[in-house]
Amino acid sequence: MKVEVWSDIMCPFCYIGKRNYESALSQFGGGDHIEIEWHSFQLDPMIPKNSTRKENVYQYLADRKGISYDQSAKMHERVIQMARNAGLD
């Protein structure tokens, strides 16, 4: 079986998903017969590459996603919990 994965290396959800995929694959009996092809995908091509802004990440996400600062901070906490659940520190 061939599995193609499109992932953004800057995205925490993609990294967590990769870890969960690896964990599931290790529990799968036929893992030796799976070919994985990784593809790069940039979720937000508008992010400045060499930004010198000192903007708070919560505020950046709030502005970018159209949510409040508090919602952005709560979203970050959920990402941290998801990472912990996936065995990431």
PDB file of N, CA and C in Angstrom:
ATOM      1  N   MET A   1       0.845  -1.164   0.000  1.00  0.00           N
ATOM      2  CA  MET A   1       0.000   0.000   0.000  1.00  0.00           C
ATOM      3  C   MET A   1       0.898   1.237   0.000  1.00  0.00           C
ATOM      4  N   LYS A   2       0.476   2.239  -0.744  1.00  0.00           N
ATOM      5  CA  LYS A   2       1.205   3.505  -0.776  1.00  0.00           C
ATOM      6  C   LYS A   2       0.365   4.572  -0.081  1.00  0.00           C
ATOM      7  N   VAL A   3       1.000   5.287   0.837  1.00  0.00           N
ATOM      8  CA  VAL A   3       0.346   6.382   1.550  1.00  0.00           C
ATOM      9  C   VAL A   3       1.079   7.666   1.188  1.00  0.00           C
ATOM     10  N   GLU A   4       0.339   8.636   0.683  1.00  0.00           N
ATOM     11  CA  GLU A   4       0.919   9.939   0.375  1.00  0.00           C
ATOM     12  C   GLU A   4       0.474  10.925   1.448  1.00  0.00           C
ATOM     13  N   VAL A   5       1.440  11.620   2.012  1.00  0.00           N
ATOM     14  CA  VAL A   5       1.171  12.564   3.092  1.00  0.00           C
ATOM     15  C   VAL A   5       1.616  13.948   2.644  1.00  0.00           C
ATOM     16  N   TRP A   6       0.695  14.901   2.723  1.00  0.00           N
ATOM     17  CA  TRP A   6       0.992  16.302   2.436  1.00  0.00           C
ATOM     18  C   TRP A   6       1.071  17.012   3.779  1.00  0.00           C
ATOM     19  N   SER A   7       2.188  17.676   4.045  1.00  0.00           N
ATOM     20  CA  SER A   7       2.403  18.235   5.367  1.00  0.00           C
ATOM     21  C   SER A   7       3.199  19.532   5.295  1.00  0.00           C
ATOM     22  N   ASP A   8       2.904  20.433   6.231  1.00  0.00           N
ATOM     23  CA  ASP A   8       3.639  21.684   6.380  1.00  0.00           C
ATOM     24  C   ASP A   8       4.525  21.538   7.614  1.00  0.00           C
ATOM     25  N   ILE A   9       5.832  21.611   7.437  1.00  0.00           N
ATOM     26  CA  ILE A   9       6.741  21.380   8.558  1.00  0.00           C
ATOM     27  C   ILE A   9       6.632  22.451   9.645  1.00  0.00           C
ATOM     28  N   MET A  10       5.991  23.570   9.355  1.00  0.00           N
ATOM     29  CA  MET A  10       5.813  24.629  10.347  1.00  0.00           C
ATOM     30  C   MET A  10       4.513  24.483  11.140  1.00  0.00           C
ATOM     31  N   CYS A  11       3.673  23.543  10.744  1.00  0.00           N
ATOM     32  CA  CYS A  11       2.354  23.393  11.354  1.00  0.00           C
ATOM     33  C   CYS A  11       2.400  22.396  12.511  1.00  0.00           C
ATOM     34  N   PRO A  12       2.032  22.826  13.722  1.00  0.00           N
ATOM     35  CA  PRO A  12       2.049  21.882  14.841  1.00  0.00           C
ATOM     36  C   PRO A  12       1.056  20.735  14.657  1.00  0.00           C
ATOM     37  N   PHE A  13      -0.078  21.003  14.015  1.00  0.00           N
ATOM     38  CA  PHE A  13      -1.054  19.935  13.786  1.00  0.00           C
ATOM     39  C   PHE A  13      -0.482  18.873  12.852  1.00  0.00           C
ATOM     40  N   CYS A  14       0.276  19.301  11.852  1.00  0.00           N
ATOM     41  CA  CYS A  14       0.906  18.353  10.923  1.00  0.00           C
ATOM     42  C   CYS A  14       1.932  17.493  11.655  1.00  0.00           C
ATOM     43  N   TYR A  15       2.714  18.116  12.533  1.00  0.00           N
ATOM     44  CA  TYR A  15       3.731  17.367  13.271  1.00  0.00           C
ATOM     45  C   TYR A  15       3.083  16.375  14.233  1.00  0.00           C
ATOM     46  N   ILE A  16       2.054  16.805  14.913  1.00  0.00           N
ATOM     47  CA  ILE A  16       1.326  15.909  15.815  1.00  0.00           C
ATOM     48  C   ILE A  16       0.703  14.768  15.017  1.00  0.00           C
ATOM     49  N   GLY A  17       0.121  15.093  13.872  1.00  0.00           N
ATOM     50  CA  GLY A  17      -0.463  14.063  13.014  1.00  0.00           C
ATOM     51  C   GLY A  17       0.577  13.066  12.540  1.00  0.00           C
ATOM     52  N   LYS A  18       1.773  13.551  12.216  1.00  0.00           N
ATOM     53  CA  LYS A  18       2.868  12.664  11.808  1.00  0.00           C
ATOM     54  C   LYS A  18       3.205  11.698  12.934  1.00  0.00           C
ATOM     55  N   ARG A  19       3.296  12.215  14.148  1.00  0.00           N
ATOM     56  CA  ARG A  19       3.614  11.356  15.294  1.00  0.00           C
ATOM     57  C   ARG A  19       2.504  10.329  15.525  1.00  0.00           C
ATOM     58  N   ASN A  20       1.256  10.754  15.423  1.00  0.00           N
ATOM     59  CA  ASN A  20       0.139   9.818  15.594  1.00  0.00           C
ATOM     60  C   ASN A  20       0.137   8.763  14.495  1.00  0.00           C
ATOM     61  N   TYR A  21       0.457   9.171  13.271  1.00  0.00           N
ATOM     62  CA  TYR A  21       0.533   8.226  12.155  1.00  0.00           C
ATOM     63  C   TYR A  21       1.630   7.198  12.409  1.00  0.00           C
ATOM     64  N   GLU A  22       2.805   7.664  12.839  1.00  0.00           N
ATOM     65  CA  GLU A  22       3.910   6.754  13.131  1.00  0.00           C
ATOM     66  C   GLU A  22       3.542   5.775  14.238  1.00  0.00           C
ATOM     67  N   SER A  23       2.847   6.261  15.245  1.00  0.00           N
ATOM     68  CA  SER A  23       2.409   5.396  16.344  1.00  0.00           C
ATOM     69  C   SER A  23       1.427   4.339  15.852  1.00  0.00           C
ATOM     70  N   ALA A  24       0.463   4.754  15.048  1.00  0.00           N
ATOM     71  CA  ALA A  24      -0.516   3.805  14.502  1.00  0.00           C
ATOM     72  C   ALA A  24       0.170   2.795  13.589  1.00  0.00           C
ATOM     73  N   LEU A  25       1.113   3.259  12.794  1.00  0.00           N
ATOM     74  CA  LEU A  25       1.818   2.377  11.870  1.00  0.00           C
ATOM     75  C   LEU A  25       2.630   1.325  12.622  1.00  0.00           C
ATOM     76  N   SER A  26       3.209   1.714  13.758  1.00  0.00           N
ATOM     77  CA  SER A  26       3.999   0.760  14.542  1.00  0.00           C
ATOM     78  C   SER A  26       3.125  -0.337  15.148  1.00  0.00           C
ATOM     79  N   GLN A  27       1.837  -0.072  15.316  1.00  0.00           N
ATOM     80  CA  GLN A  27       0.906  -1.056  15.872  1.00  0.00           C
ATOM     81  C   GLN A  27       0.237  -1.897  14.786  1.00  0.00           C
ATOM     82  N   PHE A  28       0.460  -1.530  13.543  1.00  0.00           N
ATOM     83  CA  PHE A  28      -0.158  -2.209  12.413  1.00  0.00           C
ATOM     84  C   PHE A  28       0.742  -3.351  11.965  1.00  0.00           C
ATOM     85  N   GLY A  29       0.177  -4.530  11.834  1.00  0.00           N
ATOM     86  CA  GLY A  29       0.964  -5.706  11.487  1.00  0.00           C
ATOM     87  C   GLY A  29       1.621  -5.657  10.125  1.00  0.00           C
ATOM     88  N   GLY A  30       1.066  -4.945   9.174  1.00  0.00           N
ATOM     89  CA  GLY A  30       1.607  -4.917   7.823  1.00  0.00           C
ATOM     90  C   GLY A  30       2.433  -3.697   7.514  1.00  0.00           C
ATOM     91  N   GLY A  31       2.998  -3.068   8.528  1.00  0.00           N
ATOM     92  CA  GLY A  31       3.750  -1.834   8.341  1.00  0.00           C
ATOM     93  C   GLY A  31       4.921  -1.942   7.387  1.00  0.00           C
ATOM     94  N   ASP A  32       5.492  -3.138   7.270  1.00  0.00           N
ATOM     95  CA  ASP A  32       6.628  -3.327   6.363  1.00  0.00           C
ATOM     96  C   ASP A  32       6.218  -3.232   4.902  1.00  0.00           C
ATOM     97  N   HIS A  33       4.940  -3.336   4.634  1.00  0.00           N
ATOM     98  CA  HIS A  33       4.446  -3.331   3.258  1.00  0.00           C
ATOM     99  C   HIS A  33       3.815  -1.995   2.869  1.00  0.00           C
ATOM    100  N   ILE A  34       4.094  -0.969   3.658  1.00  0.00           N
ATOM    101  CA  ILE A  34       3.528   0.353   3.374  1.00  0.00           C
ATOM    102  C   ILE A  34       4.639   1.283   2.903  1.00  0.00           C
ATOM    103  N   GLU A  35       4.414   1.894   1.775  1.00  0.00           N
ATOM    104  CA  GLU A  35       5.338   2.884   1.229  1.00  0.00           C
ATOM    105  C   GLU A  35       4.761   4.266   1.543  1.00  0.00           C
ATOM    106  N   ILE A  36       5.571   5.099   2.167  1.00  0.00           N
ATOM    107  CA  ILE A  36       5.124   6.445   2.529  1.00  0.00           C
ATOM    108  C   ILE A  36       5.836   7.449   1.630  1.00  0.00           C
ATOM    109  N   GLU A  37       5.053   8.284   0.992  1.00  0.00           N
ATOM    110  CA  GLU A  37       5.621   9.347   0.167  1.00  0.00           C
ATOM    111  C   GLU A  37       5.216  10.689   0.775  1.00  0.00           C
ATOM    112  N   TRP A  38       6.210  11.440   1.216  1.00  0.00           N
ATOM    113  CA  TRP A  38       5.969  12.726   1.853  1.00  0.00           C
ATOM    114  C   TRP A  38       6.008  13.837   0.816  1.00  0.00           C
ATOM    115  N   HIS A  39       5.066  14.766   0.958  1.00  0.00           N
ATOM    116  CA  HIS A  39       4.998  15.938   0.088  1.00  0.00           C
ATOM    117  C   HIS A  39       4.971  17.185   0.966  1.00  0.00           C
ATOM    118  N   SER A  40       5.628  18.218   0.501  1.00  0.00           N
ATOM    119  CA  SER A  40       5.625  19.486   1.210  1.00  0.00           C
ATOM    120  C   SER A  40       4.412  20.312   0.788  1.00  0.00           C
ATOM    121  N   PHE A  41       3.799  20.953   1.773  1.00  0.00           N
ATOM    122  CA  PHE A  41       2.664  21.827   1.502  1.00  0.00           C
ATOM    123  C   PHE A  41       2.750  23.008   2.449  1.00  0.00           C
ATOM    124  N   GLN A  42       2.724  24.207   1.919  1.00  0.00           N
ATOM    125  CA  GLN A  42       2.798  25.405   2.747  1.00  0.00           C
ATOM    126  C   GLN A  42       1.390  25.915   3.012  1.00  0.00           C
ATOM    127  N   LEU A  43       0.962  25.795   4.264  1.00  0.00           N
ATOM    128  CA  LEU A  43      -0.394  26.198   4.636  1.00  0.00           C
ATOM    129  C   LEU A  43      -0.615  27.700   4.512  1.00  0.00           C
ATOM    130  N   ASP A  44       0.384  28.477   4.865  1.00  0.00           N
ATOM    131  CA  ASP A  44       0.238  29.935   4.844  1.00  0.00           C
ATOM    132  C   ASP A  44       1.424  30.565   4.122  1.00  0.00           C
ATOM    133  N   PRO A  45       1.361  30.629   2.793  1.00  0.00           N
ATOM    134  CA  PRO A  45       2.488  31.181   2.044  1.00  0.00           C
ATOM    135  C   PRO A  45       2.694  32.681   2.251  1.00  0.00           C
ATOM    136  N   MET A  46       1.779  33.338   2.935  1.00  0.00           N
ATOM    137  CA  MET A  46       1.893  34.782   3.151  1.00  0.00           C
ATOM    138  C   MET A  46       2.704  35.134   4.398  1.00  0.00           C
ATOM    139  N   ILE A  47       3.104  34.148   5.186  1.00  0.00           N
ATOM    140  CA  ILE A  47       3.909  34.441   6.369  1.00  0.00           C
ATOM    141  C   ILE A  47       5.255  34.998   5.908  1.00  0.00           C
ATOM    142  N   PRO A  48       5.652  36.158   6.444  1.00  0.00           N
ATOM    143  CA  PRO A  48       6.939  36.735   6.043  1.00  0.00           C
ATOM    144  C   PRO A  48       8.095  35.812   6.434  1.00  0.00           C
ATOM    145  N   LYS A  49       9.016  35.609   5.515  1.00  0.00           N
ATOM    146  CA  LYS A  49      10.141  34.712   5.777  1.00  0.00           C
ATOM    147  C   LYS A  49      11.140  35.317   6.752  1.00  0.00           C
ATOM    148  N   ASN A  50      11.368  36.600   6.658  1.00  0.00           N
ATOM    149  CA  ASN A  50      12.380  37.254   7.487  1.00  0.00           C
ATOM    150  C   ASN A  50      11.768  38.390   8.286  1.00  0.00           C
ATOM    151  N   SER A  51      10.696  38.100   8.959  1.00  0.00           N
ATOM    152  CA  SER A  51      10.004  39.134   9.714  1.00  0.00           C
ATOM    153  C   SER A  51      10.842  39.579  10.905  1.00  0.00           C
ATOM    154  N   THR A  52      10.868  40.871  11.136  1.00  0.00           N
ATOM    155  CA  THR A  52      11.558  41.409  12.305  1.00  0.00           C
ATOM    156  C   THR A  52      10.552  41.894  13.342  1.00  0.00           C
ATOM    157  N   ARG A  53       9.278  41.628  13.076  1.00  0.00           N
ATOM    158  CA  ARG A  53       8.239  42.048  14.023  1.00  0.00           C
ATOM    159  C   ARG A  53       8.373  41.264  15.319  1.00  0.00           C
ATOM    160  N   LYS A  54       8.088  41.927  16.397  1.00  0.00           N
ATOM    161  CA  LYS A  54       8.137  41.301  17.717  1.00  0.00           C
ATOM    162  C   LYS A  54       6.723  41.000  18.205  1.00  0.00           C
ATOM    163  N   GLU A  55       5.836  40.753  17.274  1.00  0.00           N
ATOM    164  CA  GLU A  55       4.434  40.536  17.608  1.00  0.00           C
ATOM    165  C   GLU A  55       4.253  39.247  18.405  1.00  0.00           C
ATOM    166  N   ASN A  56       3.404  39.301  19.380  1.00  0.00           N
ATOM    167  CA  ASN A  56       3.051  38.136  20.176  1.00  0.00           C
ATOM    168  C   ASN A  56       2.380  37.100  19.281  1.00  0.00           C
ATOM    169  N   VAL A  57       2.766  35.842  19.427  1.00  0.00           N
ATOM    170  CA  VAL A  57       2.221  34.786  18.568  1.00  0.00           C
ATOM    171  C   VAL A  57       0.709  34.656  18.745  1.00  0.00           C
ATOM    172  N   TYR A  58       0.209  34.862  19.958  1.00  0.00           N
ATOM    173  CA  TYR A  58      -1.240  34.784  20.180  1.00  0.00           C
ATOM    174  C   TYR A  58      -1.956  35.879  19.402  1.00  0.00           C
ATOM    175  N   GLN A  59      -1.379  37.081  19.420  1.00  0.00           N
ATOM    176  CA  GLN A  59      -2.004  38.188  18.696  1.00  0.00           C
ATOM    177  C   GLN A  59      -1.929  37.958  17.190  1.00  0.00           C
ATOM    178  N   TYR A  60      -0.803  37.431  16.715  1.00  0.00           N
ATOM    179  CA  TYR A  60      -0.673  37.132  15.287  1.00  0.00           C
ATOM    180  C   TYR A  60      -1.755  36.144  14.856  1.00  0.00           C
ATOM    181  N   LEU A  61      -1.914  35.059  15.613  1.00  0.00           N
ATOM    182  CA  LEU A  61      -2.929  34.056  15.270  1.00  0.00           C
ATOM    183  C   LEU A  61      -4.338  34.631  15.361  1.00  0.00           C
ATOM    184  N   ALA A  62      -4.580  35.447  16.370  1.00  0.00           N
ATOM    185  CA  ALA A  62      -5.898  36.065  16.517  1.00  0.00           C
ATOM    186  C   ALA A  62      -6.219  36.924  15.296  1.00  0.00           C
ATOM    187  N   ASP A  63      -5.273  37.745  14.892  1.00  0.00           N
ATOM    188  CA  ASP A  63      -5.478  38.607  13.722  1.00  0.00           C
ATOM    189  C   ASP A  63      -5.627  37.781  12.451  1.00  0.00           C
ATOM    190  N   ARG A  64      -4.805  36.775  12.307  1.00  0.00           N
ATOM    191  CA  ARG A  64      -4.798  35.956  11.081  1.00  0.00           C
ATOM    192  C   ARG A  64      -6.063  35.115  10.953  1.00  0.00           C
ATOM    193  N   LYS A  65      -6.553  34.596  12.082  1.00  0.00           N
ATOM    194  CA  LYS A  65      -7.716  33.704  12.066  1.00  0.00           C
ATOM    195  C   LYS A  65      -9.035  34.430  12.324  1.00  0.00           C
ATOM    196  N   GLY A  66      -8.960  35.708  12.680  1.00  0.00           N
ATOM    197  CA  GLY A  66     -10.181  36.460  12.961  1.00  0.00           C
ATOM    198  C   GLY A  66     -10.852  36.040  14.259  1.00  0.00           C
ATOM    199  N   ILE A  67     -10.018  35.718  15.255  1.00  0.00           N
ATOM    200  CA  ILE A  67     -10.531  35.302  16.561  1.00  0.00           C
ATOM    201  C   ILE A  67      -9.966  36.237  17.627  1.00  0.00           C
ATOM    202  N   SER A  68     -10.451  36.091  18.847  1.00  0.00           N
ATOM    203  CA  SER A  68      -9.958  36.938  19.926  1.00  0.00           C
ATOM    204  C   SER A  68      -8.600  36.428  20.427  1.00  0.00           C
ATOM    205  N   TYR A  69      -7.915  37.294  21.151  1.00  0.00           N
ATOM    206  CA  TYR A  69      -6.638  36.926  21.763  1.00  0.00           C
ATOM    207  C   TYR A  69      -6.834  35.731  22.691  1.00  0.00           C
ATOM    208  N   ASP A  70      -7.892  35.777  23.508  1.00  0.00           N
ATOM    209  CA  ASP A  70      -8.160  34.676  24.442  1.00  0.00           C
ATOM    210  C   ASP A  70      -8.426  33.368  23.708  1.00  0.00           C
ATOM    211  N   GLN A  71      -9.166  33.423  22.606  1.00  0.00           N
ATOM    212  CA  GLN A  71      -9.415  32.214  21.816  1.00  0.00           C
ATOM    213  C   GLN A  71      -8.108  31.667  21.251  1.00  0.00           C
ATOM    214  N   SER A  72      -7.234  32.561  20.833  1.00  0.00           N
ATOM    215  CA  SER A  72      -5.939  32.148  20.305  1.00  0.00           C
ATOM    216  C   SER A  72      -5.111  31.449  21.384  1.00  0.00           C
ATOM    217  N   ALA A  73      -5.107  32.012  22.583  1.00  0.00           N
ATOM    218  CA  ALA A  73      -4.364  31.401  23.690  1.00  0.00           C
ATOM    219  C   ALA A  73      -4.947  30.034  24.051  1.00  0.00           C
ATOM    220  N   LYS A  74      -6.271  29.911  24.046  1.00  0.00           N
ATOM    221  CA  LYS A  74      -6.911  28.620  24.343  1.00  0.00           C
ATOM    222  C   LYS A  74      -6.603  27.599  23.252  1.00  0.00           C
ATOM    223  N   MET A  75      -6.567  28.052  22.000  1.00  0.00           N
ATOM    224  CA  MET A  75      -6.221  27.159  20.899  1.00  0.00           C
ATOM    225  C   MET A  75      -4.799  26.623  21.096  1.00  0.00           C
ATOM    226  N   HIS A  76      -3.906  27.487  21.527  1.00  0.00           N
ATOM    227  CA  HIS A  76      -2.528  27.072  21.778  1.00  0.00           C
ATOM    228  C   HIS A  76      -2.471  26.029  22.891  1.00  0.00           C
ATOM    229  N   GLU A  77      -3.244  26.224  23.937  1.00  0.00           N
ATOM    230  CA  GLU A  77      -3.286  25.242  25.032  1.00  0.00           C
ATOM    231  C   GLU A  77      -3.796  23.893  24.534  1.00  0.00           C
ATOM    232  N   ARG A  78      -4.781  23.902  23.636  1.00  0.00           N
ATOM    233  CA  ARG A  78      -5.286  22.639  23.066  1.00  0.00           C
ATOM    234  C   ARG A  78      -4.204  21.951  22.235  1.00  0.00           C
ATOM    235  N   VAL A  79      -3.436  22.730  21.508  1.00  0.00           N
ATOM    236  CA  VAL A  79      -2.340  22.157  20.718  1.00  0.00           C
ATOM    237  C   VAL A  79      -1.306  21.515  21.650  1.00  0.00           C
ATOM    238  N   ILE A  80      -0.992  22.190  22.740  1.00  0.00           N
ATOM    239  CA  ILE A  80      -0.047  21.631  23.712  1.00  0.00           C
ATOM    240  C   ILE A  80      -0.569  20.305  24.253  1.00  0.00           C
ATOM    241  N   GLN A  81      -1.845  20.240  24.582  1.00  0.00           N
ATOM    242  CA  GLN A  81      -2.418  18.996  25.104  1.00  0.00           C
ATOM    243  C   GLN A  81      -2.413  17.897  24.045  1.00  0.00           C
ATOM    244  N   MET A  82      -2.731  18.251  22.811  1.00  0.00           N
ATOM    245  CA  MET A  82      -2.686  17.267  21.724  1.00  0.00           C
ATOM    246  C   MET A  82      -1.270  16.714  21.562  1.00  0.00           C
ATOM    247  N   ALA A  83      -0.277  17.592  21.655  1.00  0.00           N
ATOM    248  CA  ALA A  83       1.119  17.157  21.532  1.00  0.00           C
ATOM    249  C   ALA A  83       1.488  16.214  22.672  1.00  0.00           C
ATOM    250  N   ARG A  84       1.087  16.546  23.874  1.00  0.00           N
ATOM    251  CA  ARG A  84       1.360  15.661  25.019  1.00  0.00           C
ATOM    252  C   ARG A  84       0.699  14.302  24.826  1.00  0.00           C
ATOM    253  N   ASN A  85      -0.543  14.314  24.350  1.00  0.00           N
ATOM    254  CA  ASN A  85      -1.257  13.056  24.116  1.00  0.00           C
ATOM    255  C   ASN A  85      -0.572  12.205  23.049  1.00  0.00           C
ATOM    256  N   ALA A  86       0.152  12.857  22.152  1.00  0.00           N
ATOM    257  CA  ALA A  86       0.868  12.141  21.092  1.00  0.00           C
ATOM    258  C   ALA A  86       2.270  11.718  21.542  1.00  0.00           C
ATOM    259  N   GLY A  87       2.602  12.017  22.792  1.00  0.00           N
ATOM    260  CA  GLY A  87       3.912  11.634  23.313  1.00  0.00           C
ATOM    261  C   GLY A  87       5.011  12.643  23.036  1.00  0.00           C
ATOM    262  N   LEU A  88       4.629  13.854  22.690  1.00  0.00           N
ATOM    263  CA  LEU A  88       5.603  14.917  22.439  1.00  0.00           C
ATOM    264  C   LEU A  88       5.686  15.821  23.662  1.00  0.00           C
ATOM    265  N   ASP A  89       6.864  16.293  23.950  1.00  0.00           N
ATOM    266  CA  ASP A  89       7.032  17.211  25.086  1.00  0.00           C
ATOM    267  C   ASP A  89       7.229  18.619  24.608  1.00  0.00           C
TER     268      ASP A  89
END
